[in-house]
Amino acid sequence: MGVAVINPDLCLPYNGIICHACFERCPMYREAITMKDEFYPEVHAEKCIGCGVCEHVCIAEEPAITIESSHQI
């Protein structure tokens, strides 16, 4: 598997639009993804299981959070 990685250029909260989709749907709730300053999602690679739920539920036009091979990180 891999690890979720956020692209801040595509991520709605990093562009001024409130969104918690990846945080709320992550099966490792409040462990793999947390909200910095209550607005900005952050991935904790050591807790991420690479399941891809976050990528699937991302509401950005192009998913702002993707699963990347652990070899790329």
Protein backbone atom coordinates (compact mmCIF):
# COMPACT_ATOMS: atom_id res chain seq x y z
CA MET A 1 0.00 0.00 0.00
CA GLY A 2 1.09 3.56 0.50
CA VAL A 3 0.46 6.71 2.50
CA ALA A 4 -1.95 9.59 2.00
CA VAL A 5 -0.34 12.84 0.85
CA ILE A 6 -2.09 16.22 0.68
CA ASN A 7 -1.47 18.64 -2.17
CA PRO A 8 -2.11 22.06 -0.55
CA ASP A 9 -2.52 23.66 -3.99
CA LEU A 10 -5.64 21.52 -4.56
CA CYS A 11 -6.89 21.11 -0.97
CA LEU A 12 -9.93 23.32 -0.34
CA PRO A 13 -9.07 24.36 3.26
CA TYR A 14 -5.61 25.49 2.16
CA ASN A 15 -7.42 27.67 -0.39
CA GLY A 16 -9.94 29.26 1.98
CA ILE A 17 -12.88 26.83 1.69
CA ILE A 18 -13.96 24.85 4.75
CA CYS A 19 -13.90 21.08 4.21
CA HIS A 20 -13.42 18.15 6.59
CA ALA A 21 -14.29 15.28 4.22
CA CYS A 22 -11.02 13.34 4.48
CA PHE A 23 -10.77 13.87 8.25
CA GLU A 24 -14.34 12.78 8.94
CA ARG A 25 -14.28 9.66 6.76
CA CYS A 26 -10.83 8.30 7.63
CA PRO A 27 -11.21 4.90 9.33
CA MET A 28 -8.25 5.80 11.55
CA TYR A 29 -10.30 8.73 12.88
CA ARG A 30 -8.29 11.39 14.70
CA GLU A 31 -5.12 9.35 14.26
CA ALA A 32 -4.06 9.27 10.59
CA ILE A 33 -5.59 12.66 9.70
CA THR A 34 -5.97 15.53 12.14
CA MET A 35 -7.06 19.11 11.66
CA LYS A 36 -4.34 21.70 12.32
CA ASP A 37 -5.88 24.87 13.77
CA GLU A 38 -9.29 23.19 13.22
CA PHE A 39 -9.15 23.97 9.47
CA TYR A 40 -6.19 22.31 7.74
CA PRO A 41 -5.94 18.52 7.34
CA GLU A 42 -2.60 16.93 8.15
CA VAL A 43 -1.64 13.32 7.48
CA HIS A 44 0.34 11.38 10.07
CA ALA A 45 2.16 8.83 7.92
CA GLU A 46 2.95 6.54 10.85
CA LYS A 47 -0.80 6.04 11.45
CA CYS A 48 -2.04 6.02 7.83
CA ILE A 49 -2.96 2.57 6.51
CA GLY A 50 -3.12 3.68 2.86
CA CYS A 51 -6.71 2.51 2.34
CA GLY A 52 -7.64 5.34 -0.05
CA VAL A 53 -10.93 6.36 1.60
CA CYS A 54 -9.67 9.94 1.91
CA GLU A 55 -8.88 10.13 -1.81
CA HIS A 56 -12.27 8.68 -2.71
CA VAL A 57 -14.26 11.16 -0.55
CA CYS A 58 -12.24 14.28 -1.42
CA ILE A 59 -14.67 16.83 -2.88
CA ALA A 60 -12.07 18.87 -4.77
CA GLU A 61 -12.38 18.73 -8.56
CA GLU A 62 -9.10 16.79 -8.67
CA PRO A 63 -8.49 14.82 -5.45
CA ALA A 64 -6.24 16.89 -3.21
CA ILE A 65 -5.29 13.89 -1.12
CA THR A 66 -3.88 10.83 -2.83
CA ILE A 67 -2.24 7.59 -1.85
CA GLU A 68 1.40 7.47 -2.85
CA SER A 69 3.68 4.48 -2.73
CA SER A 70 5.70 4.41 0.44
CA HIS A 71 8.77 4.20 -1.81
CA GLN A 72 8.04 7.73 -3.12
CA ILE A 73 7.82 9.34 0.32
